[in-house]
C-alpha cells in the first residue's frame, strides 16, 4: 500500500463538483471527496486513491483543490 495522506472533505458548493481522478465518478454537492493535497488530486474513495497512488498527478482536478 502506498503512503497516502488523504483528507476527507464534503463538497459544499456546485463550483467544487468534479469527477474522481481515478474512476471519473461524478462527485457532487453533499458527497465526500478524499483529497490528496500532495498531488492535487481528488477521489471518490480511498480505494481509488490507492489505485492512482503512483500517478504523479497533473494538477488539481477540482477548482478548490490546490497543491500550494
N, C-alpha and C. Protein backbone atom coordinates (compact mmCIF):
# COMPACT_ATOMS: atom_id res chain seq x y z
N UNK A 1 0.84 -1.18 0.00
CA UNK A 1 0.00 0.00 0.00
C UNK A 1 0.88 1.24 0.00
N UNK A 2 0.51 2.20 -0.75
CA UNK A 2 1.27 3.45 -0.85
C UNK A 2 1.04 4.31 0.39
N UNK A 3 1.99 5.18 0.64
CA UNK A 3 1.88 6.10 1.76
C UNK A 3 1.09 7.32 1.31
N UNK A 4 -0.19 7.36 1.64
CA UNK A 4 -1.07 8.44 1.22
C UNK A 4 -1.52 9.26 2.42
N UNK A 5 -1.64 10.55 2.21
CA UNK A 5 -2.22 11.42 3.22
C UNK A 5 -3.47 12.03 2.59
N UNK A 6 -4.60 11.42 2.90
CA UNK A 6 -5.87 11.87 2.34
C UNK A 6 -6.67 12.62 3.39
N UNK A 7 -7.37 13.64 2.94
CA UNK A 7 -8.24 14.38 3.83
C UNK A 7 -9.66 14.30 3.28
N UNK A 8 -10.58 13.67 4.03
CA UNK A 8 -11.97 13.64 3.56
C UNK A 8 -12.63 15.00 3.78
N UNK A 9 -13.30 15.48 2.78
CA UNK A 9 -14.00 16.76 2.84
C UNK A 9 -15.33 16.63 2.12
N UNK A 10 -16.40 17.20 2.67
CA UNK A 10 -17.66 17.20 1.92
C UNK A 10 -17.63 18.29 0.84
N UNK A 11 -18.25 18.01 -0.26
CA UNK A 11 -18.38 19.03 -1.31
C UNK A 11 -19.57 19.90 -0.93
N UNK A 12 -19.32 21.19 -0.77
CA UNK A 12 -20.33 22.12 -0.26
C UNK A 12 -20.93 23.03 -1.33
N UNK A 13 -20.20 23.24 -2.42
CA UNK A 13 -20.65 24.18 -3.45
C UNK A 13 -20.65 23.52 -4.82
N UNK A 14 -21.59 23.86 -5.67
CA UNK A 14 -21.58 23.32 -7.04
C UNK A 14 -20.27 23.62 -7.78
N UNK A 15 -19.62 24.72 -7.45
CA UNK A 15 -18.35 25.09 -8.07
C UNK A 15 -17.27 24.03 -7.82
N UNK A 16 -17.37 23.30 -6.71
CA UNK A 16 -16.36 22.31 -6.35
C UNK A 16 -16.68 20.90 -6.85
N UNK A 17 -17.80 20.73 -7.54
CA UNK A 17 -18.13 19.42 -8.09
C UNK A 17 -17.10 19.03 -9.15
N UNK A 18 -16.74 17.74 -9.18
CA UNK A 18 -15.71 17.28 -10.11
C UNK A 18 -15.79 15.76 -10.25
N UNK A 19 -15.10 15.20 -11.22
CA UNK A 19 -15.01 13.73 -11.32
C UNK A 19 -13.86 13.21 -10.45
N UNK A 20 -13.97 11.97 -10.03
CA UNK A 20 -12.88 11.29 -9.33
C UNK A 20 -11.69 11.23 -10.29
N UNK A 21 -10.50 11.47 -9.76
CA UNK A 21 -9.30 11.48 -10.61
C UNK A 21 -8.95 10.10 -11.15
N UNK A 22 -9.46 9.03 -10.54
CA UNK A 22 -9.14 7.68 -10.99
C UNK A 22 -10.27 7.09 -11.84
N UNK A 23 -11.50 7.01 -11.28
CA UNK A 23 -12.59 6.30 -11.98
C UNK A 23 -13.57 7.23 -12.69
N UNK A 24 -13.41 8.53 -12.50
CA UNK A 24 -14.24 9.56 -13.13
C UNK A 24 -15.69 9.56 -12.67
N UNK A 25 -15.97 8.95 -11.50
CA UNK A 25 -17.31 9.04 -10.91
C UNK A 25 -17.57 10.49 -10.53
N UNK A 26 -18.77 10.98 -10.83
CA UNK A 26 -19.11 12.36 -10.50
C UNK A 26 -19.17 12.55 -8.99
N UNK A 27 -18.52 13.58 -8.50
CA UNK A 27 -18.56 13.96 -7.10
C UNK A 27 -19.36 15.25 -7.01
N UNK A 28 -20.53 15.16 -6.37
CA UNK A 28 -21.48 16.26 -6.35
C UNK A 28 -21.64 16.83 -4.95
N UNK A 29 -22.36 17.95 -4.85
CA UNK A 29 -22.60 18.58 -3.56
C UNK A 29 -23.19 17.54 -2.60
N UNK A 30 -22.61 17.47 -1.40
CA UNK A 30 -23.04 16.51 -0.38
C UNK A 30 -22.18 15.26 -0.34
N UNK A 31 -21.48 14.95 -1.41
CA UNK A 31 -20.59 13.78 -1.44
C UNK A 31 -19.32 14.09 -0.67
N UNK A 32 -18.67 13.05 -0.18
CA UNK A 32 -17.37 13.20 0.44
C UNK A 32 -16.30 12.94 -0.60
N UNK A 33 -15.35 13.84 -0.68
CA UNK A 33 -14.22 13.70 -1.60
C UNK A 33 -12.98 13.48 -0.75
N UNK A 34 -12.10 12.60 -1.19
CA UNK A 34 -10.84 12.33 -0.50
C UNK A 34 -9.76 13.07 -1.25
N UNK A 35 -9.20 14.09 -0.62
CA UNK A 35 -8.25 14.99 -1.27
C UNK A 35 -6.82 14.61 -0.90
N UNK A 36 -5.98 14.50 -1.91
CA UNK A 36 -4.55 14.29 -1.71
C UNK A 36 -3.88 15.61 -2.10
N UNK A 37 -3.63 16.46 -1.10
CA UNK A 37 -3.06 17.78 -1.37
C UNK A 37 -1.64 17.71 -1.89
N UNK A 38 -0.92 16.63 -1.59
CA UNK A 38 0.45 16.50 -2.07
C UNK A 38 0.51 16.40 -3.59
N UNK A 39 -0.55 15.85 -4.19
CA UNK A 39 -0.58 15.68 -5.65
C UNK A 39 -1.66 16.50 -6.33
N UNK A 40 -2.50 17.18 -5.57
CA UNK A 40 -3.57 17.97 -6.16
C UNK A 40 -4.62 17.13 -6.82
N UNK A 41 -4.97 16.00 -6.19
CA UNK A 41 -5.95 15.10 -6.78
C UNK A 41 -7.12 14.87 -5.82
N UNK A 42 -8.26 14.48 -6.36
CA UNK A 42 -9.47 14.24 -5.59
C UNK A 42 -10.05 12.89 -6.00
N UNK A 43 -10.51 12.13 -5.02
CA UNK A 43 -11.01 10.77 -5.26
C UNK A 43 -12.35 10.54 -4.58
N UNK A 44 -13.12 9.61 -5.12
CA UNK A 44 -14.41 9.26 -4.53
C UNK A 44 -14.24 8.29 -3.36
N UNK A 45 -13.09 7.59 -3.30
CA UNK A 45 -12.87 6.62 -2.23
C UNK A 45 -11.37 6.44 -1.98
N UNK A 46 -11.06 5.87 -0.83
CA UNK A 46 -9.66 5.56 -0.52
C UNK A 46 -9.14 4.53 -1.51
N UNK A 47 -9.99 3.61 -1.93
CA UNK A 47 -9.59 2.58 -2.89
C UNK A 47 -9.12 3.21 -4.21
N UNK A 48 -9.85 4.20 -4.72
CA UNK A 48 -9.43 4.87 -5.95
C UNK A 48 -8.10 5.59 -5.74
N UNK A 49 -7.92 6.20 -4.59
CA UNK A 49 -6.66 6.89 -4.29
C UNK A 49 -5.50 5.90 -4.28
N UNK A 50 -5.72 4.73 -3.73
CA UNK A 50 -4.66 3.71 -3.69
C UNK A 50 -4.33 3.22 -5.10
N UNK A 51 -5.34 3.05 -5.94
CA UNK A 51 -5.09 2.62 -7.32
C UNK A 51 -4.27 3.66 -8.09
N UNK A 52 -4.50 4.92 -7.78
CA UNK A 52 -3.86 6.00 -8.51
C UNK A 52 -2.61 6.53 -7.80
N UNK A 53 -2.17 5.84 -6.73
CA UNK A 53 -1.11 6.33 -5.87
C UNK A 53 0.20 6.60 -6.60
N UNK A 54 0.47 5.89 -7.65
CA UNK A 54 1.75 6.06 -8.33
C UNK A 54 1.68 7.06 -9.47
N UNK A 55 0.49 7.61 -9.71
CA UNK A 55 0.35 8.68 -10.69
C UNK A 55 0.82 9.97 -10.03
N UNK A 56 1.70 10.69 -10.68
CA UNK A 56 2.24 11.90 -10.07
C UNK A 56 1.23 13.04 -10.01
N UNK A 57 0.11 12.91 -10.70
CA UNK A 57 -0.91 13.96 -10.71
C UNK A 57 -0.49 15.09 -11.64
N UNK A 58 -1.42 15.65 -12.31
CA UNK A 58 -1.13 16.74 -13.24
C UNK A 58 -1.89 17.99 -12.85
N UNK A 59 -1.90 18.30 -11.59
CA UNK A 59 -2.60 19.47 -11.09
C UNK A 59 -3.95 19.12 -10.53
N UNK A 60 -4.63 20.10 -9.98
CA UNK A 60 -5.90 19.84 -9.32
C UNK A 60 -7.00 19.40 -10.29
N UNK A 61 -7.83 18.49 -9.80
CA UNK A 61 -8.99 18.04 -10.55
C UNK A 61 -10.14 18.98 -10.27
N UNK A 62 -10.33 19.33 -9.01
CA UNK A 62 -11.39 20.25 -8.61
C UNK A 62 -10.82 21.66 -8.50
N UNK A 63 -11.60 22.66 -8.84
CA UNK A 63 -11.10 24.03 -8.76
C UNK A 63 -10.65 24.42 -7.35
N UNK A 64 -11.28 23.84 -6.32
CA UNK A 64 -10.96 24.21 -4.94
C UNK A 64 -9.79 23.44 -4.35
N UNK A 65 -9.18 22.54 -5.11
CA UNK A 65 -8.07 21.73 -4.60
C UNK A 65 -6.77 22.25 -5.21
N UNK A 66 -5.81 22.55 -4.38
CA UNK A 66 -4.56 23.10 -4.87
C UNK A 66 -3.39 22.49 -4.12
N UNK A 67 -2.25 22.35 -4.77
CA UNK A 67 -1.06 21.84 -4.11
C UNK A 67 -0.41 22.87 -3.22
N UNK A 68 -0.63 24.13 -3.47
CA UNK A 68 0.03 25.15 -2.68
C UNK A 68 -0.93 26.21 -2.23
